[in-house]
Amino acid sequence: MAAVGNGYTSSVNTGKSESLRQRKSRQNSKTKVGSEDNRTVASDSLNLSVGAVIIKESIVKESDTNNLVKTTVIQETVTEKGFFRRNLPEWIYAPEYMMQGKEKDPYSVHRHADSFFSTSSGFTNYRGLLNLCLILLVVSNSRLVLENIIKYGILANPIDWLHLFLKQPYSWPNVLLFLSINIFILFSLSLEHLYIKRYLSERLGAILQALNVATLLSLPATIIYILHPNPIFSSVLLSFVTVVSLKLISYACVNKWCRDNLKNDAKKDFRRRKTVSVSENGDQKTKVSNDEMNDFLVKYPDNINFKDLYYFIIAPTLVYELNFPRSARIRKRFLVKRIVEMLFLSQLIMALIQQWIIPTVNNAMKPLADMALYRVAERLLKLSIPNHFIWLLFFYWFFHSTLNVIAEVLRFGDRVFYRDWWNAETVSRFWQDWNVPVHRWALRHLYKPMMRAGFSKVNASIGVFFLSAFFHEYLLSIPLRMFKIWAFSAMIGQVPLALLTSKYKFLQGTWGNVIMWLSLIMGQPIAILAYVHDYYIINMGTLHNQTMTFA
């Protein structure tokens, strides 16, 4: 093992291999440290840490009258070994790089080199293997598609979705409830006007804002639960209700911060710096001074108007600001591409649900009724592939195509709706990156306020997961008219998983990314089968001879 010193570097020599420094000082000093397998030479500074064991070696040189150098090695070991480090042999933790001796003849055919698949070779270009994996993926899924069509025929029909909405007379309350959301938006705006005119105190206004949001969340949910319209469209409606509720909370909080700021210092304006429009070639469209720029910024209370609030309600963000970054123009070609993607992907998602998901779920009815675990597991694995494929398509359709269409029409400049969540090495990083608008809202209006209130980071994170779990259950249990808290439990279960992946290093990196993908691929089909089982048991009394259909 190499020794490490203060201002010096140790190198490991085996056999007759020697360092360059040792060859230069061969005539002056030659020191052996430790056993025959452990030789040390002083050079630069290096600290070597293997697992939880830290070895520090300092080399002290002392010159005598004969100019001989005596080297003393002082070794200090900090023992913080884990269970595996204490019980497994040392060679498991040894580095894998190849030990090289003296340089060979440059004309020699053979030289020290690792095989390409060895991690120590430094080879990283596996593009050909990636292409092979993609080809195998396409071939295997093509077989599944052909098998599905041969077995069930063509089931996809976009007209069935329209018929699904129109066939029930109680589907129309979803449309009326959607239009009624404007009442709560206008009520929030009226409260802000009362604040400006000093007709309303901060305490009473906060109570009214809370009642407004609570009523918005509870009234549509109550009507849906009583009338029980189509669950699919009811869930979509409650999604809009949730988004508007979060927006109204942000709108009220930011305006309150503006009023507090004006009270503290009337000369200061609560605003963010507006992004200057930039043309496509990177040149500034306009060059203005700071004073001129301030004239373009909206200041409180000039932002309290109908146009400003509805721009925020429609904008693809949940966090309110007085001045949003705006793009220079609407890019027509970009907009057309995103609209085409929206139309195509929406039809593809609905077709895959009809052609793939519904037959698979119907085939799982009898195994679920009989509780045949092996058959249920087989149905679960078969459902996981199309379900995950549809989930990925939905992600692209919503977060990239749909939100970019809205942003382009509104010339909304901030297009970071997601980050590279597919590279997430921990569960926490995934939830931060895959839905950036929700993450920003939770960070600004829940996590940081809890931290300022004295809560720890762990408790603040649990609060964020708890709110997310509530809304997941809110979007599923009310339209289905049952409360089995499967979605709530799944989200709360992310808390210990997030703590484990953040605490233990071996659960991060590649393994952390694998855990993230497995939780997505297998978690959603389990929830689907659980809700299907409970829905038919509660409403039909049995799973035998039950089928899910659009007819």
Foldseek 3Di string as FASTA:
>chain_A
DFAFADFWGWDWDPDPFDDPVCVVCVVAEDDADDDNRYRTDTDGGDWDDFDPKTWHWHWDWDQDPVRHTDTDIDIDIDDPDDPCRVPPDPVVRDDDADDAGDDDDPPDPDDDADDQPDPNRPHDPPVVVVVVVVVVVVVVVVVVLVVLCVVPNQQADPVLVVCLQPVDPVSCVLVVLLVCVVVLLVVLLVLLVCVVVVVDDPVRSVVVLVVSLVCLLPVLLVVCLVSLRQLVSSLVSNVLSVLVSLLSVQVVVLSVVQVVVCVVPVVDFPADQEDFEADPVGHGPDDDDPVVSVVPFDTPPNCSDDVNSVLSSLAPASHDGRHFHFYPAQDVVVLVVLVVLLVVLVSVLSSLCRSQVQVLLLVCLVCLQVVVPVVNVVSLLSNLVSVVVSVVSVLCNPLPRVNVNSCSVSRGPDSQQFDPLLQFFALVSNVCGSGVRLNVSLVPPQLVVVVVVPDDNLVSVLVSLQVVLVSQQSSRCSSLSHRPSLSSVLSNVSSVRRVVSVPDVVSGDPNSSVVNVCCNSNVVSVVVSVSVQVSCCVPVVGSPPDGDDSD
